Structures are given as C-alpha cells and as structure tokens.
C-alpha cells in the first residue's frame, strides 16, 4: 500500500531573529515533532536560519529565498515559490505575510502595541505597521495569538470575528534550563530584577525604579535594582531622570546563557508593564525560582495566575509594599517560588503546537 503524501506546510523562518528567535525556533521544532505524521514543513529564509533544521529529524526542508521580510518584490515572488513547492498552507509567525498569495495563510499577531499610545513608533512608520497588521488580520485565513487578553484586543482593535482568532500561548525556551552561576550575578545580591525593552513606555520601567526607591527609603535595606535588556537613548534618559543611578543599574543586553542566573539570584522579578501580549520574562522568572511581582494589566494575571503578587501599574507605592512583603515574609516568598515553578511548567510548546496544528486542519478543511 502506498504511503499517503504528507501535507506541505510553508513556514516563514525569516522571523527567527531578535525578540522572536526563541519563539519561532522552539515553536517550529514542536510543530515538526507533533505534526510529523501528517505534515511536512518547508521553511523559507535567507540562509542563516537553515541550521535550525538539523534538530527536526527530517520533518522539514529549507528553501533559501533572497527577499527580506519586508521586501515588496518578495510580496510578488514568494507566492510563485509557494505554488512551485506545492505548499497547501503558509504560516507566518509574525504579522507580515504574502498578501497576494492564493495559498491559505495563518498569521501570528502577538499583540496590538502598534495601535497603542505607548508604542515607540511614530509618524509614517507607525501608520505603515498598523496598516500591515490590519491587512494581515483581514487577509489571513486564521490568526494565532499568544493569550486570551491579546485575543480580546485583536478582536476589538482590528475588528475581526472572534472565531478567527485562536490562542496558542508562548512557553519556556531551553535556554532557561542553564544551571545558575553565582559568579555572574551573585556579587549583586540582594537585588530585584527587571527587564526593559525597545518599547520602554509599555514596559513601564520608570515605575519599577520609583517603587524601588520607595522600598529603599522605607526599609533602609541594601537591595539593588538590576535592569536587563536594551532600550533606546530616550528610554535610558527617562530611567536616569527618575532615579536609575548608583544601586540601580542598566545592564543592557543579557545573553541567553545568563538568564537563569539573572532570575535565580534575584530577591524577586518585577514586571510593571502597562501592556504585554504574553510576558515571557515572567514565565522565565518563575521557572528559574524568582518570585514575581507583576502589574495587573493585560495578559500578566493570565500567565502568572496565583503565583505572583500584583499591583496597579500606575501605583509605585503599591509596588513598594509588595516588594517589602516579599522581603519580610519568607514563608510567603517560598510559596510563591513553589507555585511559580509549577505554573511555568504548564506552558509547553508541545501544547501550543497541538493547538496550531488544529488550526491548520481547520483551515485546510475549509480550503478543500
């Protein structure tokens, strides 16, 4: 009996870069593993991403293409390549997609930050990004997003049917399993950890600094505030203006192999964000044994559940009180660590991949 030919899924591997590098790579590996009985993946990229396929056990091929993610020429040429490669469905793990393709496309929209007041984009850049998000939301056969909170925002802001948006959460990357090394951050103990980013206004890092200064004034304790992650000159200036100097330190980019140490040795991890599509650092911190003090906005309560202490993202005094509680109530802190580790393990790329494979089946059944 002849073996049934597997359905060929195109996957845009050009997004395995920057803040998406772990999400795209880990998700593809899970999709290939969970879908190996019925799907074969054809991955498209510029060449540097080809090494990822070495871990997929023959479940995927690589096609080198010369067009960048935002290339206008690629918009016209990639659809021809997809037809040539007999692709039945194409998945872009970010909002850009081949808009002129006749192949059904599933697109991942992680959040609606470009539409919000604290995006770092301005003028024509913001208008273009918003337009592409809107077009992708309406042109795609289905939308994947990473949290129920983000789904609600996509439906409300992009005005698409709720049934079109499916949730497949982010999960832990293998890099957080690295054994912590005291020589990396042990010299800073005791400290609170925080992460900023290019979208520094959404990350609300200034409020974390204000809360930390109140904590120091009220307790007299020596805890430092270490802020990892890169940001803009404007963001650095804002943080300096609200008191990030001395024992408040901007560390800049933290390598993957250092993340487990950064979180593990922290008294707690503070995530004061005004908006998160998911909030991977909170998940990583819980997995590494750091209690999480989180804002109560957007997806964060959905991710952290009962493992975190929460505060209003506009209230630095409430944050300071939660910081004091973590430091002074050791029994409560131990409970947070235990619940956090257990909760982090509930988020797996295998589960997310199964949800996305269900979307593939649904889209393909409609296309037939």
Foldseek 3Di string as FASTA:
>chain_A
DDDDDAAEEEEEPQPCDDPCVQVRLQLVLLLLVLCVNHYAYEYEHQPPRQVSCVNNVRSYHYDHDDAHLPRPVCLVVVLVVCVVVNHQEYEYADLRDSLPHPRAYEYEHAADLLVDPLAPDDDPVSVVVNVSNLSSLVRHQAYEYAFPLRLVVCCVVSVDDSVRYDHQHGADGPLLVQDADCVPCVVQPAEEEEEAEQSRVQQLVLLVQVLVVVLCVVPVDDYAYEYEEDYDPVNVVSNVVSPQDDSRDYPYHDDSNNLLNRLQNYLAYERLGQDGSACVSLLSSLQSQHAYEYEPHGCVCVQLPPLHHYDHSVDSNRVNVRVVCSVPVVVNSNSSSVSSNVSSVVRHSNRSSVSVVVVVVVSSVVVD
